[in-house]
Amino acid sequence: MTVKTKRLKAMEGKFEKESLYSPVEAIKLVKELATAKFDESIEIAMRLGVDPRKSDQMLRGTIVLPSGSGKVAKVAVFAAAEAADEARASGADYVGADDLVAKVQNENFTDFDIAVATPDLMVQVGKLGKILGPKGLMPNPKTGTVTNDVGKAVKEFKSGRVEYRTDRVGNVHVILGKVSFDTSAIMENFRAVIDEISRVKPASAKGRYFRAVTLCSSMGPGIKVDTNRLKLTDEDLDLTA
């Protein structure tokens, strides 16, 4: 028999587990039900009508959240010469070429959230696949992490650019910000995520694309969102201000 904590008991009656809510209703509920003693993150989970076993239905990319993610990412940049200087000037936490490759390889160093590399260094960085790959840190052109414009990439990842990808069963999880954000700020990020995932819908995907969408905070329950009401207008955003 499961023993309910005081937090769970306090949540009872505030929402219906099987009900479908509009995006703004769901976000307000998530914020209300986030009662942990720290600033919880808010995440969107989407079950998509794709088959990740097919290469053309695997989604992977990045989204620039207009309101930021609420988290300052640690960025490592594999670059040399002027590109390295540009990365440092843009706020990269770790910058290097052969020396940074050696540190990752010899010390299993992965104390960063994002890895960016210039194309000319991908031969060396490619040797780190067994270390960076399982942690989702391997630079990839699809996510904008293999680029000559490292300064722009660092600034965007520091200010709220986040990665997304389908897991092996077709789910995508993306952070939307923090509970302390205004509802309107979360809604802006919500719209950016939905618009991006809609944009990259595979042509070969058949049937309903957004099968289920859920919002939750780090320690809170999942709130189901009505998939027929995902598209937001400027007027919808004005109502949350």
C-alpha atoms as a PDB file:
ATOM      1  CA  MET A   1       0.000   0.000   0.000  1.00  0.00           C
ATOM      2  CA  THR A   2       1.375   3.399  -1.042  1.00  0.00           C
ATOM      3  CA  VAL A   3       1.580   5.972   1.728  1.00  0.00           C
ATOM      4  CA  LYS A   4       0.692   9.452   0.517  1.00  0.00           C
ATOM      5  CA  THR A   5       2.892  12.303   1.678  1.00  0.00           C
ATOM      6  CA  LYS A   6       1.508  15.613   2.908  1.00  0.00           C
ATOM      7  CA  ARG A   7       2.492  17.172  -0.422  1.00  0.00           C
ATOM      8  CA  LEU A   8       0.494  14.600  -2.400  1.00  0.00           C
ATOM      9  CA  LYS A   9      -2.516  14.932  -0.119  1.00  0.00           C
ATOM     10  CA  ALA A  10      -2.436  18.718  -0.548  1.00  0.00           C
ATOM     11  CA  MET A  11      -2.565  18.304  -4.337  1.00  0.00           C
ATOM     12  CA  GLU A  12      -5.656  16.116  -4.303  1.00  0.00           C
ATOM     13  CA  GLY A  13      -8.735  17.881  -5.556  1.00  0.00           C
ATOM     14  CA  LYS A  14      -6.796  20.634  -7.319  1.00  0.00           C
ATOM     15  CA  PHE A  15      -6.812  18.854 -10.670  1.00  0.00           C
ATOM     16  CA  GLU A  16      -8.227  15.802 -12.415  1.00  0.00           C
ATOM     17  CA  LYS A  17      -5.540  13.297 -13.455  1.00  0.00           C
ATOM     18  CA  GLU A  18      -7.333  12.262 -16.642  1.00  0.00           C
ATOM     19  CA  SER A  19      -8.678  15.676 -17.651  1.00  0.00           C
ATOM     20  CA  LEU A  20      -7.260  17.597 -20.584  1.00  0.00           C
ATOM     21  CA  TYR A  21      -6.343  21.237 -19.986  1.00  0.00           C
ATOM     22  CA  SER A  22      -5.544  24.154 -22.246  1.00  0.00           C
ATOM     23  CA  PRO A  23      -1.853  25.149 -22.262  1.00  0.00           C
ATOM     24  CA  VAL A  24      -2.403  28.175 -20.021  1.00  0.00           C
ATOM     25  CA  GLU A  25      -4.548  26.174 -17.587  1.00  0.00           C
ATOM     26  CA  ALA A  26      -1.908  23.436 -17.455  1.00  0.00           C
ATOM     27  CA  ILE A  27       0.938  25.875 -16.840  1.00  0.00           C
ATOM     28  CA  LYS A  28      -0.944  27.638 -14.053  1.00  0.00           C
ATOM     29  CA  LEU A  29      -1.682  24.260 -12.428  1.00  0.00           C
ATOM     30  CA  VAL A  30       1.958  23.179 -12.699  1.00  0.00           C
ATOM     31  CA  LYS A  31       3.059  26.394 -11.011  1.00  0.00           C
ATOM     32  CA  GLU A  32       0.415  26.040  -8.283  1.00  0.00           C
ATOM     33  CA  LEU A  33       1.306  22.407  -7.572  1.00  0.00           C
ATOM     34  CA  ALA A  34       5.060  23.022  -7.428  1.00  0.00           C
ATOM     35  CA  THR A  35       5.585  23.125  -3.676  1.00  0.00           C
ATOM     36  CA  ALA A  36       9.197  21.975  -3.341  1.00  0.00           C
ATOM     37  CA  LYS A  37      11.598  24.204  -1.422  1.00  0.00           C
ATOM     38  CA  PHE A  38      13.593  25.051  -4.545  1.00  0.00           C
ATOM     39  CA  ASP A  39      12.827  26.680  -7.882  1.00  0.00           C
ATOM     40  CA  GLU A  40      11.613  23.659  -9.826  1.00  0.00           C
ATOM     41  CA  SER A  41      12.058  23.310 -13.572  1.00  0.00           C
ATOM     42  CA  ILE A  42       9.011  22.972 -15.814  1.00  0.00           C
ATOM     43  CA  GLU A  43       9.184  20.394 -18.594  1.00  0.00           C
ATOM     44  CA  ILE A  44       7.032  19.449 -21.552  1.00  0.00           C
ATOM     45  CA  ALA A  45       6.833  15.808 -22.606  1.00  0.00           C
ATOM     46  CA  MET A  46       5.408  15.008 -26.038  1.00  0.00           C
ATOM     47  CA  ARG A  47       4.529  11.548 -27.354  1.00  0.00           C
ATOM     48  CA  LEU A  48       4.734  11.829 -31.125  1.00  0.00           C
ATOM     49  CA  GLY A  49       3.360   9.711 -33.933  1.00  0.00           C
ATOM     50  CA  VAL A  50       6.790   8.823 -35.294  1.00  0.00           C
ATOM     51  CA  ASP A  51       8.782   5.606 -35.589  1.00  0.00           C
ATOM     52  CA  PRO A  52      12.331   6.318 -34.325  1.00  0.00           C
ATOM     53  CA  ARG A  53      13.476   3.013 -35.853  1.00  0.00           C
ATOM     54  CA  LYS A  54      13.243   4.780 -39.207  1.00  0.00           C
ATOM     55  CA  SER A  55      16.086   7.218 -39.737  1.00  0.00           C
ATOM     56  CA  ASP A  56      13.881   9.777 -41.467  1.00  0.00           C
ATOM     57  CA  GLN A  57      11.548   9.894 -38.452  1.00  0.00           C
ATOM     58  CA  MET A  58      14.200  10.559 -35.805  1.00  0.00           C
ATOM     59  CA  LEU A  59      13.945  14.160 -34.655  1.00  0.00           C
ATOM     60  CA  ARG A  60      16.954  16.044 -33.364  1.00  0.00           C
ATOM     61  CA  GLY A  61      17.697  19.739 -33.240  1.00  0.00           C
ATOM     62  CA  THR A  62      17.731  22.839 -31.061  1.00  0.00           C
ATOM     63  CA  ILE A  63      15.237  25.488 -30.012  1.00  0.00           C
ATOM     64  CA  VAL A  64      16.017  29.007 -28.837  1.00  0.00           C
ATOM     65  CA  LEU A  65      13.596  29.605 -25.970  1.00  0.00           C
ATOM     66  CA  PRO A  66      12.512  33.273 -26.155  1.00  0.00           C
ATOM     67  CA  SER A  67      12.212  33.517 -22.364  1.00  0.00           C
ATOM     68  CA  GLY A  68      15.348  31.486 -21.647  1.00  0.00           C
ATOM     69  CA  SER A  69      15.527  28.143 -19.875  1.00  0.00           C
ATOM     70  CA  GLY A  70      16.315  29.410 -16.382  1.00  0.00           C
ATOM     71  CA  LYS A  71      19.543  27.451 -16.431  1.00  0.00           C
ATOM     72  CA  VAL A  72      22.967  28.732 -17.439  1.00  0.00           C
ATOM     73  CA  ALA A  73      24.563  25.906 -19.397  1.00  0.00           C
ATOM     74  CA  LYS A  74      28.218  25.001 -19.088  1.00  0.00           C
ATOM     75  CA  VAL A  75      29.659  25.067 -22.598  1.00  0.00           C
ATOM     76  CA  ALA A  76      32.868  23.406 -23.773  1.00  0.00           C
ATOM     77  CA  VAL A  77      34.274  24.469 -27.132  1.00  0.00           C
ATOM     78  CA  PHE A  78      36.767  22.494 -29.202  1.00  0.00           C
ATOM     79  CA  ALA A  79      38.453  25.206 -31.262  1.00  0.00           C
ATOM     80  CA  ALA A  80      41.833  26.723 -32.005  1.00  0.00           C
ATOM     81  CA  ALA A  81      43.339  30.091 -32.901  1.00  0.00           C
ATOM     82  CA  GLU A  82      40.809  32.899 -33.577  1.00  0.00           C
ATOM     83  CA  ALA A  83      37.812  30.628 -33.073  1.00  0.00           C
ATOM     84  CA  ALA A  84      39.072  29.746 -29.599  1.00  0.00           C
ATOM     85  CA  ASP A  85      39.482  33.428 -28.752  1.00  0.00           C
ATOM     86  CA  GLU A  86      35.944  34.082 -29.997  1.00  0.00           C
ATOM     87  CA  ALA A  87      34.588  31.259 -27.837  1.00  0.00           C
ATOM     88  CA  ARG A  88      36.294  32.638 -24.720  1.00  0.00           C
ATOM     89  CA  ALA A  89      35.041  36.160 -25.432  1.00  0.00           C
ATOM     90  CA  SER A  90      31.489  34.795 -25.757  1.00  0.00           C
ATOM     91  CA  GLY A  91      31.574  33.147 -22.330  1.00  0.00           C
ATOM     92  CA  ALA A  92      32.528  29.516 -23.006  1.00  0.00           C
ATOM     93  CA  ASP A  93      33.441  27.666 -19.817  1.00  0.00           C
ATOM     94  CA  TYR A  94      36.103  25.443 -21.351  1.00  0.00           C
ATOM     95  CA  VAL A  95      38.017  26.067 -24.580  1.00  0.00           C
ATOM     96  CA  GLY A  96      40.761  24.025 -26.179  1.00  0.00           C
ATOM     97  CA  ALA A  97      41.878  21.938 -29.106  1.00  0.00           C
ATOM     98  CA  ASP A  98      44.183  18.923 -28.699  1.00  0.00           C
ATOM     99  CA  ASP A  99      44.564  19.733 -25.000  1.00  0.00           C
ATOM    100  CA  LEU A 100      40.807  19.627 -24.350  1.00  0.00           C
ATOM    101  CA  VAL A 101      40.466  16.438 -26.403  1.00  0.00           C
ATOM    102  CA  ALA A 102      43.211  14.866 -24.269  1.00  0.00           C
ATOM    103  CA  LYS A 103      41.537  15.998 -21.039  1.00  0.00           C
ATOM    104  CA  VAL A 104      38.252  14.346 -22.034  1.00  0.00           C
ATOM    105  CA  GLN A 105      40.014  11.228 -23.284  1.00  0.00           C
ATOM    106  CA  ASN A 106      42.440  10.743 -20.396  1.00  0.00           C
ATOM    107  CA  GLU A 107      40.425  12.080 -17.474  1.00  0.00           C
ATOM    108  CA  ASN A 108      36.919  11.215 -18.697  1.00  0.00           C
ATOM    109  CA  PHE A 109      36.187  14.928 -18.280  1.00  0.00           C
ATOM    110  CA  THR A 110      32.538  15.754 -19.024  1.00  0.00           C
ATOM    111  CA  ASP A 111      31.743  18.547 -16.584  1.00  0.00           C
ATOM    112  CA  PHE A 112      29.738  20.507 -19.152  1.00  0.00           C
ATOM    113  CA  ASP A 113      26.217  20.525 -20.598  1.00  0.00           C
ATOM    114  CA  ILE A 114      26.972  21.357 -24.233  1.00  0.00           C
ATOM    115  CA  ALA A 115      29.967  20.628 -26.463  1.00  0.00           C
ATOM    116  CA  VAL A 116      30.618  22.795 -29.519  1.00  0.00           C
ATOM    117  CA  ALA A 117      33.324  22.140 -32.106  1.00  0.00           C
ATOM    118  CA  THR A 118      34.620  23.774 -35.250  1.00  0.00           C
ATOM    119  CA  PRO A 119      34.462  21.482 -38.314  1.00  0.00           C
ATOM    120  CA  ASP A 120      38.246  21.276 -38.642  1.00  0.00           C
ATOM    121  CA  LEU A 121      38.535  19.688 -35.174  1.00  0.00           C
ATOM    122  CA  MET A 122      35.848  17.026 -35.645  1.00  0.00           C
ATOM    123  CA  VAL A 123      38.444  14.430 -36.665  1.00  0.00           C
ATOM    124  CA  GLN A 124      39.988  14.687 -33.186  1.00  0.00           C
ATOM    125  CA  VAL A 125      36.643  15.142 -31.391  1.00  0.00           C
ATOM    126  CA  GLY A 126      35.273  12.112 -33.218  1.00  0.00           C
ATOM    127  CA  LYS A 127      37.678   9.964 -31.196  1.00  0.00           C
ATOM    128  CA  LEU A 128      35.682  10.915 -28.081  1.00  0.00           C
ATOM    129  CA  GLY A 129      32.467   9.279 -29.291  1.00  0.00           C
ATOM    130  CA  LYS A 130      32.500   6.532 -26.671  1.00  0.00           C
ATOM    131  CA  ILE A 131      32.754   9.124 -23.904  1.00  0.00           C
ATOM    132  CA  LEU A 132      30.588  11.954 -25.215  1.00  0.00           C
ATOM    133  CA  GLY A 133      28.056   9.906 -27.177  1.00  0.00           C
ATOM    134  CA  PRO A 134      26.343   8.069 -24.278  1.00  0.00           C
ATOM    135  CA  LYS A 135      26.004  11.385 -22.419  1.00  0.00           C
ATOM    136  CA  GLY A 136      24.431  13.152 -25.402  1.00  0.00           C
ATOM    137  CA  LEU A 137      27.370  15.544 -25.604  1.00  0.00           C
ATOM    138  CA  MET A 138      28.789  14.682 -29.024  1.00  0.00           C
ATOM    139  CA  PRO A 139      28.815  17.755 -31.302  1.00  0.00           C
ATOM    140  CA  ASN A 140      26.463  17.377 -34.256  1.00  0.00           C
ATOM    141  CA  PRO A 141      25.686  19.660 -37.218  1.00  0.00           C
ATOM    142  CA  LYS A 142      21.940  18.990 -36.727  1.00  0.00           C
ATOM    143  CA  THR A 143      22.037  20.677 -33.329  1.00  0.00           C
ATOM    144  CA  GLY A 144      24.236  23.571 -34.393  1.00  0.00           C
ATOM    145  CA  THR A 145      27.111  22.333 -32.258  1.00  0.00           C
ATOM    146  CA  VAL A 146      29.458  21.812 -35.202  1.00  0.00           C
ATOM    147  CA  THR A 147      29.980  25.310 -36.546  1.00  0.00           C
ATOM    148  CA  ASN A 148      32.579  27.912 -37.420  1.00  0.00           C
ATOM    149  CA  ASP A 149      30.468  30.572 -35.696  1.00  0.00           C
ATOM    150  CA  VAL A 150      31.300  29.355 -32.195  1.00  0.00           C
ATOM    151  CA  GLY A 151      30.692  32.769 -30.636  1.00  0.00           C
ATOM    152  CA  LYS A 152      27.057  32.811 -31.715  1.00  0.00           C
ATOM    153  CA  ALA A 153      26.562  29.196 -30.622  1.00  0.00           C
ATOM    154  CA  VAL A 154      27.995  29.833 -27.150  1.00  0.00           C
ATOM    155  CA  LYS A 155      25.843  32.934 -26.620  1.00  0.00           C
ATOM    156  CA  GLU A 156      22.670  31.132 -27.710  1.00  0.00           C
ATOM    157  CA  PHE A 157      23.280  28.072 -25.516  1.00  0.00           C
ATOM    158  CA  LYS A 158      24.078  30.341 -22.589  1.00  0.00           C
ATOM    159  CA  SER A 159      20.889  32.367 -23.077  1.00  0.00           C
ATOM    160  CA  GLY A 160      18.376  29.568 -23.568  1.00  0.00           C
ATOM    161  CA  ARG A 161      19.050  27.451 -26.633  1.00  0.00           C
ATOM    162  CA  VAL A 162      18.155  23.859 -25.771  1.00  0.00           C
ATOM    163  CA  GLU A 163      18.459  20.552 -27.590  1.00  0.00           C
ATOM    164  CA  TYR A 164      15.652  18.113 -28.312  1.00  0.00           C
ATOM    165  CA  ARG A 165      15.576  14.587 -29.668  1.00  0.00           C
ATOM    166  CA  THR A 166      13.200  11.659 -29.880  1.00  0.00           C
ATOM    167  CA  ASP A 167      13.885   8.755 -27.549  1.00  0.00           C
ATOM    168  CA  ARG A 168      13.568   5.149 -28.673  1.00  0.00           C
ATOM    169  CA  VAL A 169       9.766   5.146 -28.333  1.00  0.00           C
ATOM    170  CA  GLY A 170       9.043   8.518 -29.927  1.00  0.00           C
ATOM    171  CA  ASN A 171       8.934  10.812 -26.897  1.00  0.00           C
ATOM    172  CA  VAL A 172      10.510  14.272 -26.781  1.00  0.00           C
ATOM    173  CA  HIS A 173      11.270  16.090 -23.505  1.00  0.00           C
ATOM    174  CA  VAL A 174      12.140  19.801 -23.418  1.00  0.00           C
ATOM    175  CA  ILE A 175      12.594  22.177 -20.500  1.00  0.00           C
ATOM    176  CA  LEU A 176      10.287  25.218 -20.575  1.00  0.00           C
ATOM    177  CA  GLY A 177      11.828  27.245 -17.775  1.00  0.00           C
ATOM    178  CA  LYS A 178      11.417  27.590 -14.034  1.00  0.00           C
ATOM    179  CA  VAL A 179       8.374  27.767 -11.756  1.00  0.00           C
ATOM    180  CA  SER A 180       9.443  31.301 -10.835  1.00  0.00           C
ATOM    181  CA  PHE A 181       8.900  32.436 -14.450  1.00  0.00           C
ATOM    182  CA  ASP A 182       5.764  34.435 -15.233  1.00  0.00           C
ATOM    183  CA  THR A 183       3.021  32.409 -16.902  1.00  0.00           C
ATOM    184  CA  SER A 184       3.434  34.526 -20.045  1.00  0.00           C
ATOM    185  CA  ALA A 185       7.149  33.655 -20.220  1.00  0.00           C
ATOM    186  CA  ILE A 186       6.416  29.927 -19.979  1.00  0.00           C
ATOM    187  CA  MET A 187       3.725  30.325 -22.639  1.00  0.00           C
ATOM    188  CA  GLU A 188       6.225  32.000 -24.994  1.00  0.00           C
ATOM    189  CA  ASN A 189       8.567  29.055 -24.579  1.00  0.00           C
ATOM    190  CA  PHE A 190       5.698  26.583 -24.959  1.00  0.00           C
ATOM    191  CA  ARG A 191       4.726  28.149 -28.294  1.00  0.00           C
ATOM    192  CA  ALA A 192       8.348  28.098 -29.497  1.00  0.00           C
ATOM    193  CA  VAL A 193       8.639  24.375 -28.713  1.00  0.00           C
ATOM    194  CA  ILE A 194       5.323  23.413 -30.325  1.00  0.00           C
ATOM    195  CA  ASP A 195       6.096  25.493 -33.418  1.00  0.00           C
ATOM    196  CA  GLU A 196       9.531  23.881 -33.809  1.00  0.00           C
ATOM    197  CA  ILE A 197       8.337  20.301 -33.285  1.00  0.00           C
ATOM    198  CA  SER A 198       5.494  20.962 -35.752  1.00  0.00           C
ATOM    199  CA  ARG A 199       7.971  22.388 -38.277  1.00  0.00           C
ATOM    200  CA  VAL A 200      10.179  19.292 -38.245  1.00  0.00           C
ATOM    201  CA  LYS A 201       7.338  16.784 -38.617  1.00  0.00           C
ATOM    202  CA  PRO A 202       8.644  14.001 -40.890  1.00  0.00           C
ATOM    203  CA  ALA A 203       6.830  13.751 -44.218  1.00  0.00           C
ATOM    204  CA  SER A 204       6.645   9.987 -43.745  1.00  0.00           C
ATOM    205  CA  ALA A 205       4.926  10.211 -40.342  1.00  0.00           C
ATOM    206  CA  LYS A 206       1.352   9.007 -40.641  1.00  0.00           C
ATOM    207  CA  GLY A 207      -1.711   9.517 -38.461  1.00  0.00           C
ATOM    208  CA  ARG A 208      -1.960  11.863 -35.494  1.00  0.00           C
ATOM    209  CA  TYR A 209       1.359  13.617 -34.864  1.00  0.00           C
ATOM    210  CA  PHE A 210       0.943  14.936 -31.302  1.00  0.00           C
ATOM    211  CA  ARG A 211      -0.372  11.813 -29.561  1.00  0.00           C
ATOM    212  CA  ALA A 212      -0.078  13.156 -25.995  1.00  0.00           C
ATOM    213  CA  VAL A 213       1.398  16.230 -24.308  1.00  0.00           C
ATOM    214  CA  THR A 214       2.083  16.563 -20.585  1.00  0.00           C
ATOM    215  CA  LEU A 215       3.507  19.356 -18.447  1.00  0.00           C
ATOM    216  CA  CYS A 216       5.094  18.884 -15.042  1.00  0.00           C
ATOM    217  CA  SER A 217       7.514  20.459 -12.620  1.00  0.00           C
ATOM    218  CA  SER A 218      10.546  18.660 -11.197  1.00  0.00           C
ATOM    219  CA  MET A 219       8.633  17.274  -8.220  1.00  0.00           C
ATOM    220  CA  GLY A 220       5.039  17.779  -9.328  1.00  0.00           C
ATOM    221  CA  PRO A 221       2.422  15.600 -11.035  1.00  0.00           C
ATOM    222  CA  GLY A 222       1.905  15.453 -14.787  1.00  0.00           C
ATOM    223  CA  ILE A 223      -0.832  17.708 -16.193  1.00  0.00           C
ATOM    224  CA  LYS A 224      -2.292  16.557 -19.500  1.00  0.00           C
ATOM    225  CA  VAL A 225      -2.683  19.136 -22.259  1.00  0.00           C
ATOM    226  CA  ASP A 226      -5.444  19.030 -24.865  1.00  0.00           C
ATOM    227  CA  THR A 227      -3.568  18.308 -28.126  1.00  0.00           C
ATOM    228  CA  ASN A 228      -6.333  20.049 -30.092  1.00  0.00           C
ATOM    229  CA  ARG A 229      -5.412  23.346 -28.421  1.00  0.00           C
ATOM    230  CA  LEU A 230      -1.631  23.396 -28.800  1.00  0.00           C
ATOM    231  CA  LYS A 231      -1.325  26.177 -31.371  1.00  0.00           C
ATOM    232  CA  LEU A 232      -1.144  29.537 -29.613  1.00  0.00           C
ATOM    233  CA  THR A 233      -1.740  33.001 -31.020  1.00  0.00           C
ATOM    234  CA  ASP A 234      -0.489  36.402 -29.858  1.00  0.00           C
ATOM    235  CA  GLU A 235      -3.963  36.913 -28.398  1.00  0.00           C
ATOM    236  CA  ASP A 236      -3.557  33.764 -26.260  1.00  0.00           C
ATOM    237  CA  LEU A 237      -0.260  35.094 -24.937  1.00  0.00           C
ATOM    238  CA  ASP A 238      -1.808  38.496 -24.141  1.00  0.00           C
ATOM    239  CA  LEU A 239      -4.370  36.758 -21.920  1.00  0.00           C
ATOM    240  CA  THR A 240      -1.568  35.431 -19.675  1.00  0.00           C
ATOM    241  CA  ALA A 241       0.084  38.780 -19.081  1.00  0.00           C
END
